[in-house]
Every structure is written in C-alpha cells, then in structure tokens.
Amino acid sequence: MPMIIIEELCKGCAACVEVCPNKAITRAVKTAKINQELCQDCEKCVFVCPNGAITGASNKSKS
C-alpha cells in the first residue's frame, strides 16, 4: 500500500527524508513529498515521523 503524507500533520522536519533508503521522499516548502514510483513501502518513514504524518493510503481516514 502506498505511503502518503498527511500535510496537515507534517511540520517539514525532514526526518523521513533522511531515513528513506530509496530517496523517495523530498522536502517541499512546508511539507515532505513522496515519489510513489520510488517508494518501496518499507515504512521506515512511518516509524521515524515524530508527528504521525505518514501512513498507508488505506489508513488516511484516521483523522
């Protein structure tokens, strides 16, 4: 399942950018962005995000 960033929760700290082994995450102006073509769903970004801003696409309705 593809990882997504919940932009309302993302503070742009870039912890996910640093931990991604596939370089699938980049830092944008105020948030991070995931390149779905590069993402291998390893979920390292999910565990490192201090704000809980990254989740699987099917879990987006948590809010």
C-alpha atoms as a PDB file:
ATOM      1  CA  MET A   1       0.000   0.000   0.000  1.00  0.00           C
ATOM      2  CA  PRO A   2       1.454   3.381  -0.927  1.00  0.00           C
ATOM      3  CA  MET A   3       2.654   5.683   1.814  1.00  0.00           C
ATOM      4  CA  ILE A   4       1.097   9.131   1.979  1.00  0.00           C
ATOM      5  CA  ILE A   5       1.894  12.293   3.907  1.00  0.00           C
ATOM      6  CA  ILE A   6      -0.926  13.952   5.798  1.00  0.00           C
ATOM      7  CA  GLU A   7       0.028  17.530   5.034  1.00  0.00           C
ATOM      8  CA  GLU A   8      -1.904  18.980   7.982  1.00  0.00           C
ATOM      9  CA  LEU A   9       0.329  16.984  10.369  1.00  0.00           C
ATOM     10  CA  CYS A  10       3.669  17.343   8.565  1.00  0.00           C
ATOM     11  CA  LYS A  11       5.924  20.022  10.072  1.00  0.00           C
ATOM     12  CA  GLY A  12       8.663  19.704   7.442  1.00  0.00           C
ATOM     13  CA  CYS A  13      11.296  18.342   9.848  1.00  0.00           C
ATOM     14  CA  ALA A  14      12.715  16.076   7.091  1.00  0.00           C
ATOM     15  CA  ALA A  15      13.325  13.082   9.389  1.00  0.00           C
ATOM     16  CA  CYS A  16      11.626  10.939   6.756  1.00  0.00           C
ATOM     17  CA  VAL A  17      13.870  12.310   4.004  1.00  0.00           C
ATOM     18  CA  GLU A  18      16.959  11.217   5.928  1.00  0.00           C
ATOM     19  CA  VAL A  19      15.721   7.693   6.682  1.00  0.00           C
ATOM     20  CA  CYS A  20      14.329   6.744   3.242  1.00  0.00           C
ATOM     21  CA  PRO A  21      16.677   4.179   1.647  1.00  0.00           C
ATOM     22  CA  ASN A  22      15.191   4.764  -1.814  1.00  0.00           C
ATOM     23  CA  LYS A  23      15.382   8.572  -1.825  1.00  0.00           C
ATOM     24  CA  ALA A  24      11.639   8.578  -2.461  1.00  0.00           C
ATOM     25  CA  ILE A  25      10.925  11.479  -0.107  1.00  0.00           C
ATOM     26  CA  THR A  26      11.855  15.076  -0.740  1.00  0.00           C
ATOM     27  CA  ARG A  27      11.288  18.174   1.322  1.00  0.00           C
ATOM     28  CA  ALA A  28       8.933  20.734  -0.159  1.00  0.00           C
ATOM     29  CA  VAL A  29       8.252  24.246   1.128  1.00  0.00           C
ATOM     30  CA  LYS A  30       6.340  23.312   4.306  1.00  0.00           C
ATOM     31  CA  THR A  31       5.939  19.570   3.971  1.00  0.00           C
ATOM     32  CA  ALA A  32       7.529  16.450   2.545  1.00  0.00           C
ATOM     33  CA  LYS A  33       6.503  14.728  -0.674  1.00  0.00           C
ATOM     34  CA  ILE A  34       6.691  11.018  -1.524  1.00  0.00           C
ATOM     35  CA  ASN A  35       7.542   9.879  -5.051  1.00  0.00           C
ATOM     36  CA  GLN A  36       5.313   6.805  -5.330  1.00  0.00           C
ATOM     37  CA  GLU A  37       7.393   5.402  -8.190  1.00  0.00           C
ATOM     38  CA  LEU A  38      10.460   5.223  -5.922  1.00  0.00           C
ATOM     39  CA  CYS A  39       8.702   4.234  -2.688  1.00  0.00           C
ATOM     40  CA  GLN A  40       9.103   0.554  -1.785  1.00  0.00           C
ATOM     41  CA  ASP A  41       6.713   0.697   1.208  1.00  0.00           C
ATOM     42  CA  CYS A  42       9.447  -0.149   3.728  1.00  0.00           C
ATOM     43  CA  GLU A  43       7.624   2.067   6.270  1.00  0.00           C
ATOM     44  CA  LYS A  44      10.832   3.448   7.798  1.00  0.00           C
ATOM     45  CA  CYS A  45       9.371   6.908   7.301  1.00  0.00           C
ATOM     46  CA  VAL A  46       6.243   5.967   9.243  1.00  0.00           C
ATOM     47  CA  PHE A  47       8.251   4.942  12.298  1.00  0.00           C
ATOM     48  CA  VAL A  48      10.595   7.952  12.279  1.00  0.00           C
ATOM     49  CA  CYS A  49       7.971  10.676  11.814  1.00  0.00           C
ATOM     50  CA  PRO A  50       7.537  12.479  15.160  1.00  0.00           C
ATOM     51  CA  ASN A  51       4.138  13.869  14.113  1.00  0.00           C
ATOM     52  CA  GLY A  52       2.469  10.723  12.774  1.00  0.00           C
ATOM     53  CA  ALA A  53       2.118  12.446   9.411  1.00  0.00           C
ATOM     54  CA  ILE A  54       2.941   9.417   7.245  1.00  0.00           C
ATOM     55  CA  THR A  55       0.594   6.485   6.811  1.00  0.00           C
ATOM     56  CA  GLY A  56      -0.539   3.923   4.289  1.00  0.00           C
ATOM     57  CA  ALA A  57      -3.100   5.207   1.793  1.00  0.00           C
ATOM     58  CA  SER A  58      -5.857   2.960   3.127  1.00  0.00           C
ATOM     59  CA  ASN A  59      -5.392   4.449   6.620  1.00  0.00           C
ATOM     60  CA  LYS A  60      -5.883   8.105   5.596  1.00  0.00           C
ATOM     61  CA  SER A  61      -9.352   8.236   7.106  1.00  0.00           C
ATOM     62  CA  LYS A  62      -7.859   8.095  10.637  1.00  0.00           C
ATOM     63  CA  SER A  63      -8.342  11.831  11.133  1.00  0.00           C
END
